[in-house]
Amino acid sequence: MNMNDYQAKAGEFALYEDQFYPIASLSVEANELMDLFVKPILRGDDKEINMDELISEAGDVLWNLSCLLEDNGITLSEVASKNIAKLASRMERGVIQGDGGDR
């Protein structure tokens, strides 16, 4: 499935009334995704990450991001293209591993 097809289909499930919903939920879901990696480190165990949970949480992040962008007239494809261009520019200029967002 391509990104714009996903975004169109995902929008069918956007039943919230307040556009703040995907903004707030994106933070929550991103933290749940992060927890899959952080909690084993904090516990000091070697528990393997459940791939189904990883995919599920990543999907929740993707859905919220998709809705946030759709609410602002931006496609996932546009974001992906601009991000690749930004990364390519940084690589070409030798600052891919630098600090800060404006490099």
Protein backbone atom coordinates (compact mmCIF):
# COMPACT_ATOMS: atom_id res chain seq x y z
CA MET A 1 0.00 0.00 0.00
CA ASN A 2 1.41 3.40 -0.88
CA MET A 3 1.40 6.25 1.60
CA ASN A 4 -1.35 8.32 0.01
CA ASP A 5 -3.62 5.28 -0.30
CA TYR A 6 -2.99 4.57 3.37
CA GLN A 7 -3.77 8.17 4.32
CA ALA A 8 -7.05 8.12 2.40
CA LYS A 9 -8.13 4.83 3.94
CA ALA A 10 -6.97 5.81 7.45
CA GLY A 11 -9.07 8.95 7.21
CA GLU A 12 -12.19 6.80 7.13
CA PHE A 13 -11.54 5.99 10.80
CA ALA A 14 -10.94 9.60 11.90
CA LEU A 15 -14.13 9.98 13.94
CA TYR A 16 -12.83 12.65 16.32
CA GLU A 17 -14.40 16.10 16.44
CA ASP A 18 -11.42 18.09 17.73
CA GLN A 19 -8.32 18.30 15.53
CA PHE A 20 -6.23 18.29 18.70
CA TYR A 21 -7.02 14.58 19.11
CA PRO A 22 -4.35 13.20 16.73
CA ILE A 23 -1.81 15.72 18.01
CA ALA A 24 -2.19 14.57 21.61
CA SER A 25 -2.61 10.92 20.67
CA LEU A 26 0.54 10.95 18.53
CA SER A 27 2.60 11.74 21.61
CA VAL A 28 0.93 8.98 23.62
CA GLU A 29 1.34 6.38 20.88
CA ALA A 30 4.96 7.36 20.17
CA ASN A 31 5.73 6.82 23.84
CA GLU A 32 4.03 3.41 23.79
CA LEU A 33 6.21 2.48 20.82
CA MET A 34 9.30 3.73 22.62
CA ASP A 35 8.37 1.78 25.75
CA LEU A 36 8.75 -1.47 23.82
CA PHE A 37 12.48 -0.70 23.60
CA VAL A 38 13.05 1.26 26.80
CA LYS A 39 11.35 -0.96 29.38
CA PRO A 40 13.60 -4.00 28.77
CA ILE A 41 16.63 -1.74 29.17
CA LEU A 42 15.27 -0.22 32.38
CA ARG A 43 14.42 -3.66 33.76
CA GLY A 44 17.83 -4.95 32.75
CA ASP A 45 16.42 -7.97 31.00
CA ASP A 46 16.93 -9.41 27.56
CA LYS A 47 13.25 -9.83 26.71
CA GLU A 48 12.78 -9.81 22.96
CA ILE A 49 10.47 -7.21 21.50
CA ASN A 50 7.21 -8.70 20.29
CA MET A 51 7.06 -7.88 16.57
CA ASP A 52 3.24 -7.86 16.53
CA GLU A 53 3.25 -5.25 19.32
CA LEU A 54 5.90 -3.26 17.48
CA ILE A 55 3.85 -3.24 14.28
CA SER A 56 0.67 -2.39 16.19
CA GLU A 57 2.20 0.57 18.03
CA ALA A 58 3.96 1.82 14.88
CA GLY A 59 0.60 1.64 13.12
CA ASP A 60 -1.00 3.75 15.84
CA VAL A 61 1.76 6.34 15.40
CA LEU A 62 1.28 6.26 11.64
CA TRP A 63 -2.50 6.70 11.92
CA ASN A 64 -2.21 9.71 14.21
CA LEU A 65 0.49 11.30 12.05
CA SER A 66 -1.59 10.66 8.95
CA CYS A 67 -4.65 12.32 10.50
CA LEU A 68 -2.66 15.28 11.83
CA LEU A 69 -1.23 15.88 8.38
CA GLU A 70 -4.56 15.38 6.60
CA ASP A 71 -6.18 17.92 8.92
CA ASN A 72 -3.52 20.39 7.75
CA GLY A 73 -3.74 19.60 4.02
CA ILE A 74 -0.45 17.69 3.84
CA THR A 75 0.07 14.19 2.46
CA LEU A 76 2.30 11.52 3.93
CA SER A 77 3.94 11.29 0.52
CA GLU A 78 4.84 14.99 0.62
CA VAL A 79 6.41 14.59 4.06
CA ALA A 80 8.35 11.50 2.98
CA SER A 81 9.67 13.19 -0.17
CA LYS A 82 10.76 16.32 1.64
CA ASN A 83 12.40 14.29 4.40
CA ILE A 84 14.44 12.28 1.88
CA ALA A 85 15.50 15.50 0.16
CA LYS A 86 16.57 16.98 3.51
CA LEU A 87 18.54 13.86 4.43
CA ALA A 88 20.20 13.74 1.00
CA SER A 89 21.23 17.39 1.35
CA ARG A 90 22.73 16.71 4.77
CA MET A 91 24.60 13.69 3.43
CA GLU A 92 25.97 15.68 0.50
CA ARG A 93 27.13 18.47 2.83
CA GLY A 94 28.67 16.01 5.31
CA VAL A 95 26.37 17.00 8.20
CA ILE A 96 24.16 13.92 8.37
CA GLN A 97 25.50 13.19 11.87
CA GLY A 98 25.59 16.79 13.03
CA ASP A 99 23.59 18.41 15.80
CA GLY A 100 20.45 20.47 15.49
CA GLY A 101 17.63 20.61 13.00
CA ASP A 102 18.94 23.44 10.83
CA ARG A 103 22.18 22.09 9.45
